[in-house]
Each structure stands twice: as structure tokens, then as C-alpha cells.
Amino acid sequence: MDPYAIIIHPFVTEKTMNQMEKNNTLEFVVRRTSNKKQIKNAIEKMFDVKIKDVRTKIAKDGKHALVTFMPEFKAEDVGMRIGIF
């Protein structure tokens, strides 16, 4: 499946920015029908990184994926590439 069909957009709030610094994580709004394995593969393919963990939750505005990167990859670097800053 196309990674751009799974990942809709990054979700940026003050809380997610703190999580990015503390836990090396980013949050994305994803397609509601996608599973953790599809999300992991899509992020790895889109940004050429390795993922340690994917947690999901359903919110009012859709399904959110909290993606934790492996220590050798920094969430700040990925955030810079996608234009969060």
C-alpha cells in the first residue's frame, strides 16, 4: 500500500513537541483502517528511518499514531524535514 495513503498529516501541539524532545516520538494522523505494521512500514519508507514502537489511539479528529524512533534517528531531524519547525 502507498505510504501516502496511510499517513494523512503530522499532528503538532505543545504536548507532542514535549514528547518529541523527551521520548524521541512524533504523532501523526493516519487512515482509520490502517494497523500498526502498515503505519510502521509507511513511516520507515517515507522518511528512511527505523521505528522502535507505534502506539495508536482513536480521537475525535481521527486515528492518531505515536511513533517512537530508534535512538540513532532523532525525531527533531524528521520534524525538520517535514516542516514542523
PDB file of N, CA and C in Angstrom:
ATOM      1  N   MET A   1       0.837  -1.185   0.000  1.00  0.00           N
ATOM      2  CA  MET A   1       0.000   0.000   0.000  1.00  0.00           C
ATOM      3  C   MET A   1       0.880   1.247   0.000  1.00  0.00           C
ATOM      4  N   ASP A   2       0.414   2.275  -0.641  1.00  0.00           N
ATOM      5  CA  ASP A   2       1.135   3.534  -0.742  1.00  0.00           C
ATOM      6  C   ASP A   2       1.242   4.202   0.630  1.00  0.00           C
ATOM      7  N   PRO A   3       2.462   4.571   1.078  1.00  0.00           N
ATOM      8  CA  PRO A   3       2.603   5.195   2.396  1.00  0.00           C
ATOM      9  C   PRO A   3       1.836   6.514   2.514  1.00  0.00           C
ATOM     10  N   TYR A   4       1.690   7.218   1.404  1.00  0.00           N
ATOM     11  CA  TYR A   4       0.975   8.495   1.436  1.00  0.00           C
ATOM     12  C   TYR A   4      -0.532   8.298   1.552  1.00  0.00           C
ATOM     13  N   ALA A   5      -1.003   7.079   1.341  1.00  0.00           N
ATOM     14  CA  ALA A   5      -2.413   6.772   1.551  1.00  0.00           C
ATOM     15  C   ALA A   5      -2.689   6.427   3.012  1.00  0.00           C
ATOM     16  N   ILE A   6      -1.632   6.085   3.763  1.00  0.00           N
ATOM     17  CA  ILE A   6      -1.781   5.725   5.170  1.00  0.00           C
ATOM     18  C   ILE A   6      -1.593   6.933   6.078  1.00  0.00           C
ATOM     19  N   ILE A   7      -0.514   7.682   5.863  1.00  0.00           N
ATOM     20  CA  ILE A   7      -0.200   8.838   6.703  1.00  0.00           C
ATOM     21  C   ILE A   7      -0.908  10.055   6.118  1.00  0.00           C
ATOM     22  N   ILE A   8      -1.772  10.681   6.924  1.00  0.00           N
ATOM     23  CA  ILE A   8      -2.520  11.843   6.440  1.00  0.00           C
ATOM     24  C   ILE A   8      -1.721  13.130   6.667  1.00  0.00           C
ATOM     25  N   HIS A   9      -1.330  13.392   7.926  1.00  0.00           N
ATOM     26  CA  HIS A   9      -0.506  14.562   8.234  1.00  0.00           C
ATOM     27  C   HIS A   9       0.044  14.449   9.646  1.00  0.00           C
ATOM     28  N   PRO A  10       1.132  15.214   9.954  1.00  0.00           N
ATOM     29  CA  PRO A  10       1.639  15.222  11.329  1.00  0.00           C
ATOM     30  C   PRO A  10       0.678  15.990  12.229  1.00  0.00           C
ATOM     31  N   PHE A  11       0.648  15.624  13.494  1.00  0.00           N
ATOM     32  CA  PHE A  11      -0.204  16.279  14.477  1.00  0.00           C
ATOM     33  C   PHE A  11       0.723  16.992  15.459  1.00  0.00           C
ATOM     34  N   VAL A  12       0.671  18.330  15.464  1.00  0.00           N
ATOM     35  CA  VAL A  12       1.612  19.115  16.258  1.00  0.00           C
ATOM     36  C   VAL A  12       0.860  19.960  17.282  1.00  0.00           C
ATOM     37  N   THR A  13       1.164  19.711  18.549  1.00  0.00           N
ATOM     38  CA  THR A  13       0.675  20.526  19.653  1.00  0.00           C
ATOM     39  C   THR A  13       1.849  20.744  20.610  1.00  0.00           C
ATOM     40  N   GLU A  14       1.612  21.516  21.639  1.00  0.00           N
ATOM     41  CA  GLU A  14       2.667  21.731  22.623  1.00  0.00           C
ATOM     42  C   GLU A  14       3.037  20.407  23.312  1.00  0.00           C
ATOM     43  N   LYS A  15       2.036  19.601  23.582  1.00  0.00           N
ATOM     44  CA  LYS A  15       2.283  18.305  24.218  1.00  0.00           C
ATOM     45  C   LYS A  15       3.111  17.390  23.320  1.00  0.00           C
ATOM     46  N   THR A  16       2.791  17.348  22.034  1.00  0.00           N
ATOM     47  CA  THR A  16       3.552  16.486  21.125  1.00  0.00           C
ATOM     48  C   THR A  16       4.981  16.996  20.942  1.00  0.00           C
ATOM     49  N   MET A  17       5.163  18.309  21.027  1.00  0.00           N
ATOM     50  CA  MET A  17       6.521  18.861  20.937  1.00  0.00           C
ATOM     51  C   MET A  17       7.351  18.431  22.152  1.00  0.00           C
ATOM     52  N   ASN A  18       6.739  18.419  23.336  1.00  0.00           N
ATOM     53  CA  ASN A  18       7.440  17.949  24.533  1.00  0.00           C
ATOM     54  C   ASN A  18       7.777  16.471  24.422  1.00  0.00           C
ATOM     55  N   GLN A  19       6.850  15.671  23.898  1.00  0.00           N
ATOM     56  CA  GLN A  19       7.105  14.247  23.707  1.00  0.00           C
ATOM     57  C   GLN A  19       8.229  14.017  22.696  1.00  0.00           C
ATOM     58  N   MET A  20       8.327  14.885  21.719  1.00  0.00           N
ATOM     59  CA  MET A  20       9.383  14.759  20.723  1.00  0.00           C
ATOM     60  C   MET A  20      10.747  14.922  21.398  1.00  0.00           C
ATOM     61  N   GLU A  21      10.857  15.873  22.299  1.00  0.00           N
ATOM     62  CA  GLU A  21      12.136  16.110  22.973  1.00  0.00           C
ATOM     63  C   GLU A  21      12.433  15.035  24.015  1.00  0.00           C
ATOM     64  N   LYS A  22      11.430  14.621  24.788  1.00  0.00           N
ATOM     65  CA  LYS A  22      11.646  13.667  25.877  1.00  0.00           C
ATOM     66  C   LYS A  22      11.790  12.227  25.391  1.00  0.00           C
ATOM     67  N   ASN A  23      10.873  11.789  24.519  1.00  0.00           N
ATOM     68  CA  ASN A  23      10.778  10.373  24.168  1.00  0.00           C
ATOM     69  C   ASN A  23      11.155  10.044  22.739  1.00  0.00           C
ATOM     70  N   ASN A  24      11.624  11.025  21.975  1.00  0.00           N
ATOM     71  CA  ASN A  24      12.002  10.804  20.580  1.00  0.00           C
ATOM     72  C   ASN A  24      10.816  10.278  19.764  1.00  0.00           C
ATOM     73  N   THR A  25       9.632  10.908  19.939  1.00  0.00           N
ATOM     74  CA  THR A  25       8.420  10.476  19.248  1.00  0.00           C
ATOM     75  C   THR A  25       7.820  11.596  18.428  1.00  0.00           C
ATOM     76  N   LEU A  26       7.081  11.231  17.411  1.00  0.00           N
ATOM     77  CA  LEU A  26       6.258  12.149  16.631  1.00  0.00           C
ATOM     78  C   LEU A  26       4.858  11.565  16.555  1.00  0.00           C
ATOM     79  N   GLU A  27       3.866  12.441  16.390  1.00  0.00           N
ATOM     80  CA  GLU A  27       2.484  11.987  16.297  1.00  0.00           C
ATOM     81  C   GLU A  27       1.939  12.333  14.919  1.00  0.00           C
ATOM     82  N   PHE A  28       1.245  11.377  14.331  1.00  0.00           N
ATOM     83  CA  PHE A  28       0.659  11.538  13.011  1.00  0.00           C
ATOM     84  C   PHE A  28      -0.818  11.177  13.050  1.00  0.00           C
ATOM     85  N   VAL A  29      -1.618  11.856  12.229  1.00  0.00           N
ATOM     86  CA  VAL A  29      -2.989  11.429  11.984  1.00  0.00           C
ATOM     87  C   VAL A  29      -2.910  10.468  10.807  1.00  0.00           C
ATOM     88  N   VAL A  30      -3.503   9.288  10.983  1.00  0.00           N
ATOM     89  CA  VAL A  30      -3.388   8.238   9.975  1.00  0.00           C
ATOM     90  C   VAL A  30      -4.771   7.762   9.548  1.00  0.00           C
ATOM     91  N   ARG A  31      -4.801   6.993   8.474  1.00  0.00           N
ATOM     92  CA  ARG A  31      -6.060   6.415   7.991  1.00  0.00           C
ATOM     93  C   ARG A  31      -6.619   5.487   9.064  1.00  0.00           C
ATOM     94  N   ARG A  32      -7.897   5.594   9.302  1.00  0.00           N
ATOM     95  CA  ARG A  32      -8.551   4.846  10.385  1.00  0.00           C
ATOM     96  C   ARG A  32      -8.442   3.335  10.216  1.00  0.00           C
ATOM     97  N   THR A  33      -8.367   2.846   8.994  1.00  0.00           N
ATOM     98  CA  THR A  33      -8.325   1.402   8.749  1.00  0.00           C
ATOM     99  C   THR A  33      -6.909   0.825   8.794  1.00  0.00           C
ATOM    100  N   SER A  34      -5.903   1.654   8.967  1.00  0.00           N
ATOM    101  CA  SER A  34      -4.524   1.163   8.963  1.00  0.00           C
ATOM    102  C   SER A  34      -4.178   0.529  10.316  1.00  0.00           C
ATOM    103  N   ASN A  35      -3.288  -0.456  10.264  1.00  0.00           N
ATOM    104  CA  ASN A  35      -2.834  -1.091  11.501  1.00  0.00           C
ATOM    105  C   ASN A  35      -1.409  -0.639  11.815  1.00  0.00           C
ATOM    106  N   LYS A  36      -0.892  -1.079  12.965  1.00  0.00           N
ATOM    107  CA  LYS A  36       0.421  -0.623  13.418  1.00  0.00           C
ATOM    108  C   LYS A  36       1.540  -1.023  12.458  1.00  0.00           C
ATOM    109  N   LYS A  37       1.454  -2.201  11.919  1.00  0.00           N
ATOM    110  CA  LYS A  37       2.504  -2.667  10.995  1.00  0.00           C
ATOM    111  C   LYS A  37       2.514  -1.821   9.719  1.00  0.00           C
ATOM    112  N   GLN A  38       1.345  -1.500   9.189  1.00  0.00           N
ATOM    113  CA  GLN A  38       1.272  -0.647   7.998  1.00  0.00           C
ATOM    114  C   GLN A  38       1.813   0.746   8.300  1.00  0.00           C
ATOM    115  N   ILE A  39       1.487   1.287   9.467  1.00  0.00           N
ATOM    116  CA  ILE A  39       1.966   2.614   9.856  1.00  0.00           C
ATOM    117  C   ILE A  39       3.484   2.607   9.976  1.00  0.00           C
ATOM    118  N   LYS A  40       4.021   1.586  10.641  1.00  0.00           N
ATOM    119  CA  LYS A  40       5.474   1.469  10.802  1.00  0.00           C
ATOM    120  C   LYS A  40       6.168   1.404   9.441  1.00  0.00           C
ATOM    121  N   ASN A  41       5.685   0.563   8.560  1.00  0.00           N
ATOM    122  CA  ASN A  41       6.288   0.434   7.226  1.00  0.00           C
ATOM    123  C   ASN A  41       6.193   1.736   6.435  1.00  0.00           C
ATOM    124  N   ALA A  42       5.066   2.434   6.550  1.00  0.00           N
ATOM    125  CA  ALA A  42       4.885   3.685   5.813  1.00  0.00           C
ATOM    126  C   ALA A  42       5.860   4.758   6.294  1.00  0.00           C
ATOM    127  N   ILE A  43       6.009   4.910   7.598  1.00  0.00           N
ATOM    128  CA  ILE A  43       6.924   5.921   8.146  1.00  0.00           C
ATOM    129  C   ILE A  43       8.363   5.583   7.778  1.00  0.00           C
ATOM    130  N   GLU A  44       8.737   4.317   7.904  1.00  0.00           N
ATOM    131  CA  GLU A  44      10.101   3.915   7.548  1.00  0.00           C
ATOM    132  C   GLU A  44      10.400   4.166   6.081  1.00  0.00           C
ATOM    133  N   LYS A  45       9.430   3.923   5.232  1.00  0.00           N
ATOM    134  CA  LYS A  45       9.618   4.120   3.790  1.00  0.00           C
ATOM    135  C   LYS A  45       9.649   5.609   3.430  1.00  0.00           C
ATOM    136  N   MET A  46       8.766   6.399   4.032  1.00  0.00           N
ATOM    137  CA  MET A  46       8.676   7.821   3.695  1.00  0.00           C
ATOM    138  C   MET A  46       9.902   8.612   4.139  1.00  0.00           C
ATOM    139  N   PHE A  47      10.428   8.319   5.339  1.00  0.00           N
ATOM    140  CA  PHE A  47      11.481   9.149   5.924  1.00  0.00           C
ATOM    141  C   PHE A  47      12.824   8.448   6.051  1.00  0.00           C
ATOM    142  N   ASP A  48      12.925   7.195   5.595  1.00  0.00           N
ATOM    143  CA  ASP A  48      14.173   6.428   5.628  1.00  0.00           C
ATOM    144  C   ASP A  48      14.748   6.379   7.049  1.00  0.00           C
ATOM    145  N   VAL A  49      13.915   5.932   7.999  1.00  0.00           N
ATOM    146  CA  VAL A  49      14.294   5.809   9.403  1.00  0.00           C
ATOM    147  C   VAL A  49      13.888   4.423   9.901  1.00  0.00           C
ATOM    148  N   LYS A  50      14.277   4.099  11.137  1.00  0.00           N
ATOM    149  CA  LYS A  50      13.863   2.853  11.788  1.00  0.00           C
ATOM    150  C   LYS A  50      12.967   3.207  12.970  1.00  0.00           C
ATOM    151  N   ILE A  51      11.888   2.451  13.125  1.00  0.00           N
ATOM    152  CA  ILE A  51      10.886   2.702  14.150  1.00  0.00           C
ATOM    153  C   ILE A  51      11.047   1.685  15.267  1.00  0.00           C
ATOM    154  N   LYS A  52      11.014   2.167  16.500  1.00  0.00           N
ATOM    155  CA  LYS A  52      11.084   1.299  17.674  1.00  0.00           C
ATOM    156  C   LYS A  52       9.696   0.817  18.089  1.00  0.00           C
ATOM    157  N   ASP A  53       8.714   1.737  18.087  1.00  0.00           N
ATOM    158  CA  ASP A  53       7.386   1.412  18.603  1.00  0.00           C
ATOM    159  C   ASP A  53       6.340   2.298  17.941  1.00  0.00           C
ATOM    160  N   VAL A  54       5.144   1.748  17.765  1.00  0.00           N
ATOM    161  CA  VAL A  54       3.997   2.502  17.258  1.00  0.00           C
ATOM    162  C   VAL A  54       2.838   2.269  18.212  1.00  0.00           C
ATOM    163  N   ARG A  55       2.272   3.343  18.734  1.00  0.00           N
ATOM    164  CA  ARG A  55       1.073   3.263  19.564  1.00  0.00           C
ATOM    165  C   ARG A  55      -0.020   4.051  18.857  1.00  0.00           C
ATOM    166  N   THR A  56      -1.236   3.558  18.916  1.00  0.00           N
ATOM    167  CA  THR A  56      -2.341   4.233  18.242  1.00  0.00           C
ATOM    168  C   THR A  56      -3.449   4.554  19.233  1.00  0.00           C
ATOM    169  N   LYS A  57      -4.221   5.573  18.882  1.00  0.00           N
ATOM    170  CA  LYS A  57      -5.406   5.929  19.659  1.00  0.00           C
ATOM    171  C   LYS A  57      -6.421   6.540  18.706  1.00  0.00           C
ATOM    172  N   ILE A  58      -7.683   6.394  19.064  1.00  0.00           N
ATOM    173  CA  ILE A  58      -8.755   6.978  18.277  1.00  0.00           C
ATOM    174  C   ILE A  58      -9.211   8.244  18.984  1.00  0.00           C
ATOM    175  N   ALA A  59      -9.210   9.355  18.256  1.00  0.00           N
ATOM    176  CA  ALA A  59      -9.633  10.644  18.800  1.00  0.00           C
ATOM    177  C   ALA A  59     -10.794  11.180  17.971  1.00  0.00           C
ATOM    178  N   LYS A  60     -11.307  12.326  18.377  1.00  0.00           N
ATOM    179  CA  LYS A  60     -12.427  12.932  17.646  1.00  0.00           C
ATOM    180  C   LYS A  60     -12.072  13.220  16.198  1.00  0.00           C
ATOM    181  N   ASP A  61     -10.836  13.643  15.977  1.00  0.00           N
ATOM    182  CA  ASP A  61     -10.434  14.032  14.631  1.00  0.00           C
ATOM    183  C   ASP A  61      -9.767  12.913  13.840  1.00  0.00           C
ATOM    184  N   GLY A  62      -9.871  11.670  14.298  1.00  0.00           N
ATOM    185  CA  GLY A  62      -9.335  10.549  13.539  1.00  0.00           C
ATOM    186  C   GLY A  62      -8.419   9.678  14.371  1.00  0.00           C
ATOM    187  N   LYS A  63      -7.732   8.797  13.707  1.00  0.00           N
ATOM    188  CA  LYS A  63      -6.810   7.881  14.366  1.00  0.00           C
ATOM    189  C   LYS A  63      -5.438   8.529  14.431  1.00  0.00           C
ATOM    190  N   HIS A  64      -4.827   8.494  15.612  1.00  0.00           N
ATOM    191  CA  HIS A  64      -3.510   9.075  15.825  1.00  0.00           C
ATOM    192  C   HIS A  64      -2.505   7.965  16.071  1.00  0.00           C
ATOM    193  N   ALA A  65      -1.312   8.113  15.518  1.00  0.00           N
ATOM    194  CA  ALA A  65      -0.228   7.165  15.730  1.00  0.00           C
ATOM    195  C   ALA A  65       0.929   7.899  16.390  1.00  0.00           C
ATOM    196  N   LEU A  66       1.350   7.414  17.558  1.00  0.00           N
ATOM    197  CA  LEU A  66       2.528   7.936  18.242  1.00  0.00           C
ATOM    198  C   LEU A  66       3.697   7.039  17.870  1.00  0.00           C
ATOM    199  N   VAL A  67       4.633   7.582  17.126  1.00  0.00           N
ATOM    200  CA  VAL A  67       5.728   6.801  16.556  1.00  0.00           C
ATOM    201  C   VAL A  67       7.012   7.125  17.309  1.00  0.00           C
ATOM    202  N   THR A  68       7.625   6.104  17.914  1.00  0.00           N
ATOM    203  CA  THR A  68       8.896   6.255  18.624  1.00  0.00           C
ATOM    204  C   THR A  68      10.006   5.761  17.710  1.00  0.00           C
ATOM    205  N   PHE A  69      11.014   6.603  17.531  1.00  0.00           N
ATOM    206  CA  PHE A  69      12.131   6.282  16.640  1.00  0.00           C
ATOM    207  C   PHE A  69      13.236   5.566  17.403  1.00  0.00           C
ATOM    208  N   MET A  70      14.034   4.794  16.685  1.00  0.00           N
ATOM    209  CA  MET A  70      15.205   4.153  17.269  1.00  0.00           C
ATOM    210  C   MET A  70      16.185   5.247  17.700  1.00  0.00           C
ATOM    211  N   PRO A  71      17.040   4.964  18.692  1.00  0.00           N
ATOM    212  CA  PRO A  71      17.936   6.012  19.223  1.00  0.00           C
ATOM    213  C   PRO A  71      18.851   6.661  18.193  1.00  0.00           C
ATOM    214  N   GLU A  72      19.218   5.928  17.151  1.00  0.00           N
ATOM    215  CA  GLU A  72      20.123   6.518  16.151  1.00  0.00           C
ATOM    216  C   GLU A  72      19.431   7.525  15.230  1.00  0.00           C
ATOM    217  N   PHE A  73      18.113   7.610  15.276  1.00  0.00           N
ATOM    218  CA  PHE A  73      17.347   8.567  14.481  1.00  0.00           C
ATOM    219  C   PHE A  73      16.640   9.534  15.425  1.00  0.00           C
ATOM    220  N   LYS A  74      16.742  10.812  15.160  1.00  0.00           N
ATOM    221  CA  LYS A  74      16.153  11.831  16.027  1.00  0.00           C
ATOM    222  C   LYS A  74      14.833  12.327  15.456  1.00  0.00           C
ATOM    223  N   ALA A  75      13.833  12.429  16.313  1.00  0.00           N
ATOM    224  CA  ALA A  75      12.521  12.936  15.901  1.00  0.00           C
ATOM    225  C   ALA A  75      12.626  14.390  15.442  1.00  0.00           C
ATOM    226  N   GLU A  76      13.542  15.152  16.036  1.00  0.00           N
ATOM    227  CA  GLU A  76      13.723  16.543  15.630  1.00  0.00           C
ATOM    228  C   GLU A  76      14.165  16.650  14.176  1.00  0.00           C
ATOM    229  N   ASP A  77      15.047  15.723  13.754  1.00  0.00           N
ATOM    230  CA  ASP A  77      15.517  15.726  12.367  1.00  0.00           C
ATOM    231  C   ASP A  77      14.377  15.420  11.398  1.00  0.00           C
ATOM    232  N   VAL A  78      13.551  14.450  11.740  1.00  0.00           N
ATOM    233  CA  VAL A  78      12.401  14.121  10.896  1.00  0.00           C
ATOM    234  C   VAL A  78      11.420  15.292  10.885  1.00  0.00           C
ATOM    235  N   GLY A  79      11.213  15.916  12.038  1.00  0.00           N
ATOM    236  CA  GLY A  79      10.331  17.085  12.131  1.00  0.00           C
ATOM    237  C   GLY A  79      10.818  18.225  11.256  1.00  0.00           C
ATOM    238  N   MET A  80      12.120  18.428  11.190  1.00  0.00           N
ATOM    239  CA  MET A  80      12.679  19.477  10.332  1.00  0.00           C
ATOM    240  C   MET A  80      12.414  19.157   8.863  1.00  0.00           C
ATOM    241  N   ARG A  81      12.527  17.894   8.482  1.00  0.00           N
ATOM    242  CA  ARG A  81      12.329  17.509   7.089  1.00  0.00           C
ATOM    243  C   ARG A  81      10.883  17.666   6.643  1.00  0.00           C
ATOM    244  N   ILE A  82       9.925  17.461   7.566  1.00  0.00           N
ATOM    245  CA  ILE A  82       8.523  17.575   7.169  1.00  0.00           C
ATOM    246  C   ILE A  82       7.962  18.951   7.440  1.00  0.00           C
ATOM    247  N   GLY A  83       8.764  19.859   8.010  1.00  0.00           N
ATOM    248  CA  GLY A  83       8.333  21.243   8.151  1.00  0.00           C
ATOM    249  C   GLY A  83       7.569  21.580   9.413  1.00  0.00           C
ATOM    250  N   ILE A  84       7.808  20.852  10.491  1.00  0.00           N
ATOM    251  CA  ILE A  84       7.145  21.176  11.762  1.00  0.00           C
ATOM    252  C   ILE A  84       7.685  22.474  12.333  1.00  0.00           C
ATOM    253  N   PHE A  85       8.982  22.714  12.182  1.00  0.00           N
ATOM    254  CA  PHE A  85       9.599  23.936  12.749  1.00  0.00           C
ATOM    255  C   PHE A  85       9.573  25.054  11.757  1.00  0.00           C
TER     256      PHE A  85
END
